[in-house]
Amino acid sequence: MTPADRQVLPLGDGALIPQLGLGLWRTPQHKAAEVVRTAIDGGYRLIDTAAVYGNEYGVGVGLRAATAVGRAFVTTKLWNEDQGYDQTLRAFDESLRRLGLSAVDLYLIHWPAPARRLYVESWKALIRLKHEGRARSIGVSNFEPEHLERIIGETGEVPVVNQVELHPRFQQKPLRAFHARHGIRTQSWSPLAQGGLLGDPTILKIAARRGKTPAQVIVRWHLDNGLIVIPKSADSGRIRENIDVFDFQLTPEDLHSIARLDRTSGRIGAHPSVANF
């Protein structure tokens, strides 16, 4: 058993999710299979993809090619154009077909896309998929508190995960506090700020003192804060580097220093309340 196998968190529905995984955003279809196989054989147990990434078929090939003992926890996501009750069910079937799976461990609504006015109906479809056992757990991505309050209020079903942009320059503390009150796990996308933090003086100083790379320090920061983290890379060396973080922890002083990097202007991606791709 690898350290990553042991590093799991309980979800609100009783399932366990690996705390560290591999993100597949912008990984081309033709590279996805090898990247996934390398990651799983290297100890990763969480694979995160999405319909809009265009690589679900390659991810499925990689899952079947991996020789490591144990099965990966697989997440995929519903794209905005497929929102709506019936459309969601059809889109999910297509994702399963491309992945070559009979079920996924976690299915997420990718964005609320509030102008479409369909995310509640989409959430109801995810609840059906959970009851059918084809999506073992269900959650959302990029939802703000008002979106979460609406789907919970109208269905009584609480998402187990909200996957959001989160990194030391955009720490999302109010949203994380909302999640904690409702039993929702916070999962970080763009956890390295798309590489923008790797040269930060505070991160560099901690990395030098700990004998680790800046990326490893940032990944460890996510873990030490109880976050689920999915650094993205298609490079085998970086894939190995990003998981080599289980032999150290950050000190309270390190965590305090990184907490000071937070900026209200730190968001890189679109704001969920106005994003309507």
Protein backbone atom coordinates (compact mmCIF):
# COMPACT_ATOMS: atom_id res chain seq x y z
CA MET A 1 0.00 0.00 0.00
CA THR A 2 1.36 3.40 -0.99
CA PRO A 3 1.13 6.54 1.21
CA ALA A 4 -1.47 7.89 -1.23
CA ASP A 5 -3.62 4.78 -0.63
CA ARG A 6 -3.71 5.61 3.07
CA GLN A 7 -4.34 9.34 2.62
CA VAL A 8 -8.12 9.32 2.20
CA LEU A 9 -10.95 11.49 3.48
CA PRO A 10 -14.53 10.47 4.28
CA LEU A 11 -17.28 12.05 2.24
CA GLY A 12 -20.69 13.00 3.55
CA ASP A 13 -22.29 9.90 2.02
CA GLY A 14 -19.84 7.53 3.72
CA ALA A 15 -17.56 6.99 0.72
CA LEU A 16 -13.80 7.56 0.95
CA ILE A 17 -11.93 9.78 -1.50
CA PRO A 18 -8.16 9.89 -2.00
CA GLN A 19 -6.89 13.28 -0.90
CA LEU A 20 -4.33 13.63 -3.70
CA GLY A 21 -5.10 12.95 -7.34
CA LEU A 22 -4.24 13.77 -10.91
CA GLY A 23 -6.09 16.44 -12.87
CA LEU A 24 -6.50 15.83 -16.60
CA TRP A 25 -7.45 19.34 -17.76
CA ARG A 26 -5.77 20.15 -21.08
CA THR A 27 -4.30 16.66 -21.35
CA PRO A 28 -4.78 15.67 -25.02
CA GLN A 29 -6.71 12.53 -25.86
CA HIS A 30 -3.65 10.91 -27.44
CA LYS A 31 -1.60 11.41 -24.27
CA ALA A 32 -4.25 10.67 -21.67
CA ALA A 33 -3.89 6.89 -21.61
CA GLU A 34 -0.15 6.96 -20.93
CA VAL A 35 -0.47 9.77 -18.40
CA VAL A 36 -3.17 7.91 -16.46
CA ARG A 37 -1.29 4.61 -16.57
CA THR A 38 1.89 6.30 -15.34
CA ALA A 39 0.03 8.07 -12.55
CA ILE A 40 -1.80 5.00 -11.25
CA ASP A 41 1.30 2.82 -11.40
CA GLY A 42 3.13 5.64 -9.60
CA GLY A 43 0.70 5.62 -6.68
CA TYR A 44 -2.13 7.97 -7.66
CA ARG A 45 -5.59 6.70 -6.76
CA LEU A 46 -7.75 9.65 -7.85
CA ILE A 47 -8.19 10.50 -11.53
CA ASP A 48 -10.14 13.66 -12.38
CA THR A 49 -11.45 14.28 -15.90
CA ALA A 50 -14.50 15.90 -17.52
CA ALA A 51 -16.56 15.58 -20.65
CA VAL A 52 -15.35 18.94 -21.93
CA TYR A 53 -11.70 17.92 -21.56
CA GLY A 54 -12.16 15.65 -24.57
CA ASN A 55 -10.03 12.87 -23.11
CA GLU A 56 -12.44 10.48 -21.37
CA TYR A 57 -11.76 7.72 -23.90
CA GLY A 58 -8.01 7.98 -23.32
CA VAL A 59 -8.54 8.03 -19.56
CA GLY A 60 -10.49 4.79 -19.82
CA VAL A 61 -7.71 3.16 -21.85
CA GLY A 62 -5.19 4.25 -19.23
CA LEU A 63 -7.30 2.89 -16.38
CA ARG A 64 -7.43 -0.53 -18.04
CA ALA A 65 -3.71 -0.48 -18.87
CA ALA A 66 -2.51 0.29 -15.33
CA THR A 67 -0.85 -2.61 -13.57
CA ALA A 68 -0.83 -1.19 -10.04
CA VAL A 69 -2.84 -3.04 -7.43
CA GLY A 70 -6.08 -1.31 -6.54
CA ARG A 71 -8.66 0.61 -8.52
CA ALA A 72 -8.56 4.32 -9.09
CA PHE A 73 -11.28 6.64 -7.86
CA VAL A 74 -12.65 8.20 -11.06
CA THR A 75 -14.32 11.60 -11.31
CA THR A 76 -15.88 13.12 -14.40
CA LYS A 77 -18.13 16.13 -14.95
CA LEU A 78 -21.24 17.30 -16.74
CA TRP A 79 -20.60 20.12 -19.20
CA ASN A 80 -22.78 23.22 -19.30
CA GLU A 81 -24.30 22.57 -22.73
CA ASP A 82 -25.63 19.25 -21.45
CA GLN A 83 -27.46 20.64 -18.42
CA GLY A 84 -31.12 19.83 -17.86
CA TYR A 85 -32.66 16.65 -16.45
CA ASP A 86 -32.90 14.46 -19.56
CA GLN A 87 -29.81 15.96 -21.18
CA THR A 88 -27.78 15.20 -18.05
CA LEU A 89 -28.79 11.55 -18.10
CA ARG A 90 -27.81 11.25 -21.76
CA ALA A 91 -24.51 13.05 -21.21
CA PHE A 92 -23.68 10.77 -18.29
CA ASP A 93 -24.32 7.69 -20.42
CA GLU A 94 -21.94 9.09 -23.04
CA SER A 95 -19.25 9.71 -20.43
CA LEU A 96 -19.57 6.13 -19.16
CA ARG A 97 -19.34 4.84 -22.72
CA ARG A 98 -16.18 6.83 -23.43
CA LEU A 99 -14.59 5.80 -20.13
CA GLY A 100 -15.56 2.17 -20.62
CA LEU A 101 -16.99 1.99 -17.10
CA SER A 102 -20.28 0.80 -15.65
CA ALA A 103 -20.15 3.50 -12.93
CA VAL A 104 -18.02 6.40 -11.77
CA ASP A 105 -17.01 7.15 -8.22
CA LEU A 106 -17.90 10.83 -8.40
CA TYR A 107 -19.97 12.84 -10.90
CA LEU A 108 -19.94 16.63 -10.76
CA ILE A 109 -21.87 19.47 -12.35
CA HIS A 110 -18.94 21.35 -13.89
CA TRP A 111 -20.30 24.92 -13.50
CA PRO A 112 -23.61 26.31 -12.24
CA ALA A 113 -23.98 28.40 -15.45
CA PRO A 114 -26.79 30.34 -13.74
CA ALA A 115 -27.97 32.10 -16.91
CA ARG A 116 -29.03 28.71 -18.29
CA ARG A 117 -31.30 28.18 -15.24
CA LEU A 118 -30.82 24.43 -15.43
CA TYR A 119 -28.46 23.50 -12.63
CA VAL A 120 -31.24 22.48 -10.22
CA GLU A 121 -32.77 20.11 -12.79
CA SER A 122 -29.28 18.80 -13.52
CA TRP A 123 -28.75 18.18 -9.81
CA LYS A 124 -32.00 16.21 -9.66
CA ALA A 125 -30.67 14.01 -12.47
CA LEU A 126 -27.45 13.42 -10.52
CA ILE A 127 -29.53 12.35 -7.52
CA ARG A 128 -31.25 9.77 -9.74
CA LEU A 129 -27.86 8.52 -10.97
CA LYS A 130 -26.74 8.12 -7.37
CA HIS A 131 -29.89 6.17 -6.47
CA GLU A 132 -29.25 3.92 -9.47
CA GLY A 133 -25.68 3.30 -8.25
CA ARG A 134 -24.09 4.46 -11.48
CA ALA A 135 -22.62 7.56 -9.84
CA ARG A 136 -21.50 6.36 -6.42
CA SER A 137 -21.15 9.92 -5.13
CA ILE A 138 -22.34 13.23 -6.56
CA GLY A 139 -21.13 16.77 -6.21
CA VAL A 140 -20.54 20.06 -7.96
CA SER A 141 -17.77 22.27 -9.21
CA ASN A 142 -17.43 26.06 -9.14
CA PHE A 143 -20.63 26.55 -7.11
CA GLU A 144 -20.96 29.62 -4.92
CA PRO A 145 -22.96 29.55 -1.65
CA GLU A 146 -26.15 30.81 -3.32
CA HIS A 147 -26.00 27.96 -5.85
CA LEU A 148 -25.34 25.41 -3.12
CA GLU A 149 -28.14 26.74 -0.94
CA ARG A 150 -30.58 26.47 -3.81
CA ILE A 151 -29.86 22.85 -4.77
CA ILE A 152 -29.80 21.76 -1.13
CA GLY A 153 -32.98 23.68 -0.35
CA GLU A 154 -34.90 22.33 -3.34
CA THR A 155 -33.78 18.69 -3.10
CA GLY A 156 -32.47 18.04 0.41
CA GLU A 157 -29.39 16.41 -1.16
CA VAL A 158 -26.03 17.90 -0.13
CA PRO A 159 -23.13 17.63 -2.60
CA VAL A 160 -20.26 15.65 -1.12
CA VAL A 161 -17.67 17.78 -2.95
CA ASN A 162 -17.39 21.26 -4.42
CA GLN A 163 -14.37 21.49 -6.72
CA VAL A 164 -13.24 25.12 -6.99
CA GLU A 165 -10.24 27.22 -7.92
CA LEU A 166 -8.09 27.28 -4.81
CA HIS A 167 -4.41 28.01 -4.22
CA PRO A 168 -2.30 30.07 -1.78
CA ARG A 169 -3.11 33.31 -3.61
CA PHE A 170 -6.84 32.54 -3.64
CA GLN A 171 -7.65 30.55 -0.53
CA GLN A 172 -11.47 30.79 -0.61
CA LYS A 173 -11.78 30.94 3.18
CA PRO A 174 -15.46 32.06 3.33
CA LEU A 175 -16.49 29.35 0.86
CA ARG A 176 -14.51 26.73 2.77
CA ALA A 177 -16.25 27.79 5.97
CA PHE A 178 -19.63 27.35 4.24
CA HIS A 179 -18.55 23.90 3.10
CA ALA A 180 -17.49 22.95 6.62
CA ARG A 181 -20.89 23.95 8.03
CA HIS A 182 -22.67 21.76 5.49
CA GLY A 183 -20.35 18.74 5.42
CA ILE A 184 -19.07 19.44 1.89
CA ARG A 185 -15.47 18.58 1.02
CA THR A 186 -13.44 21.26 -0.75
CA GLN A 187 -11.43 20.12 -3.76
CA SER A 188 -8.83 22.41 -5.31
CA TRP A 189 -8.40 22.94 -9.04
CA SER A 190 -5.44 24.97 -10.32
CA PRO A 191 -3.80 24.19 -6.96
CA LEU A 192 -0.44 25.57 -8.15
CA ALA A 193 -2.09 28.71 -9.61
CA GLN A 194 -1.17 27.36 -13.06
CA GLY A 195 2.49 27.56 -12.10
CA GLY A 196 2.25 31.18 -11.03
CA LEU A 197 3.32 30.43 -7.46
CA LEU A 198 6.40 28.37 -8.19
CA GLY A 199 8.66 31.43 -8.06
CA ASP A 200 7.00 33.10 -5.08
CA PRO A 201 9.68 34.11 -2.51
CA THR A 202 7.72 32.75 0.45
CA ILE A 203 7.22 29.39 -1.24
CA LEU A 204 10.85 29.28 -2.39
CA LYS A 205 12.11 29.97 1.13
CA ILE A 206 10.00 27.19 2.64
CA ALA A 207 11.00 24.78 -0.14
CA ALA A 208 14.71 25.45 0.45
CA ARG A 209 14.33 24.95 4.19
CA ARG A 210 12.36 21.71 3.77
CA GLY A 211 14.49 20.28 0.95
CA LYS A 212 11.46 20.11 -1.35
CA THR A 213 10.40 21.74 -4.60
CA PRO A 214 7.98 24.69 -4.62
CA ALA A 215 5.29 22.47 -6.17
CA GLN A 216 5.69 19.92 -3.39
CA VAL A 217 5.35 22.63 -0.74
CA ILE A 218 2.13 23.90 -2.32
CA VAL A 219 0.64 20.41 -2.68
CA ARG A 220 1.54 19.75 0.96
CA TRP A 221 -0.18 23.03 1.93
CA HIS A 222 -3.42 21.75 0.38
CA LEU A 223 -3.13 18.42 2.20
CA ASP A 224 -2.31 20.05 5.54
CA ASN A 225 -5.41 22.23 5.16
CA GLY A 226 -7.65 19.20 4.69
CA LEU A 227 -8.28 19.93 1.01
CA ILE A 228 -8.52 17.43 -1.82
CA VAL A 229 -5.93 18.41 -4.40
CA ILE A 230 -5.58 17.45 -8.07
CA PRO A 231 -2.39 18.94 -9.58
CA LYS A 232 -2.36 18.63 -13.35
CA SER A 233 0.63 17.45 -15.35
CA ALA A 234 1.31 15.34 -18.41
CA ASP A 235 5.05 15.13 -17.62
CA SER A 236 6.08 11.87 -15.94
CA GLY A 237 8.72 13.60 -13.82
CA ARG A 238 6.32 16.19 -12.49
CA ILE A 239 3.68 13.52 -11.91
CA ARG A 240 6.16 11.69 -9.66
CA GLU A 241 7.25 14.95 -8.01
CA ASN A 242 3.72 16.00 -7.12
CA ILE A 243 2.97 12.79 -5.24
CA ASP A 244 6.27 12.72 -3.32
CA VAL A 245 4.83 14.76 -0.48
CA PHE A 246 4.04 12.23 2.22
CA ASP A 247 7.37 12.35 4.05
CA PHE A 248 6.99 15.85 5.49
CA GLN A 249 4.48 18.33 6.88
CA LEU A 250 4.53 22.09 6.99
CA THR A 251 5.12 23.74 10.35
CA PRO A 252 2.63 26.19 11.89
CA GLU A 253 5.06 28.94 10.92
CA ASP A 254 5.08 27.73 7.31
CA LEU A 255 1.30 27.64 7.22
CA HIS A 256 1.08 31.13 8.71
CA SER A 257 3.48 32.49 6.08
CA ILE A 258 1.50 30.93 3.22
CA ALA A 259 -1.80 32.16 4.68
CA ARG A 260 -0.52 35.70 4.19
CA LEU A 261 -0.29 35.16 0.41
CA ASP A 262 -4.09 35.21 0.08
CA ARG A 263 -5.48 37.97 -2.14
CA THR A 264 -9.06 38.92 -2.96
CA SER A 265 -7.76 39.56 -6.48
CA GLY A 266 -6.08 36.16 -6.71
CA ARG A 267 -8.70 34.43 -8.84
CA ILE A 268 -7.35 33.22 -12.19
CA GLY A 269 -10.43 31.63 -13.74
CA ALA A 270 -13.92 32.94 -14.40
CA HIS A 271 -16.26 33.90 -11.58
CA PRO A 272 -18.98 31.22 -11.27
CA SER A 273 -21.80 33.74 -10.94
CA VAL A 274 -21.09 35.17 -14.41
CA ALA A 275 -19.48 32.23 -16.21
CA ASN A 276 -21.92 30.90 -18.80
CA PHE A 277 -19.78 28.96 -21.24
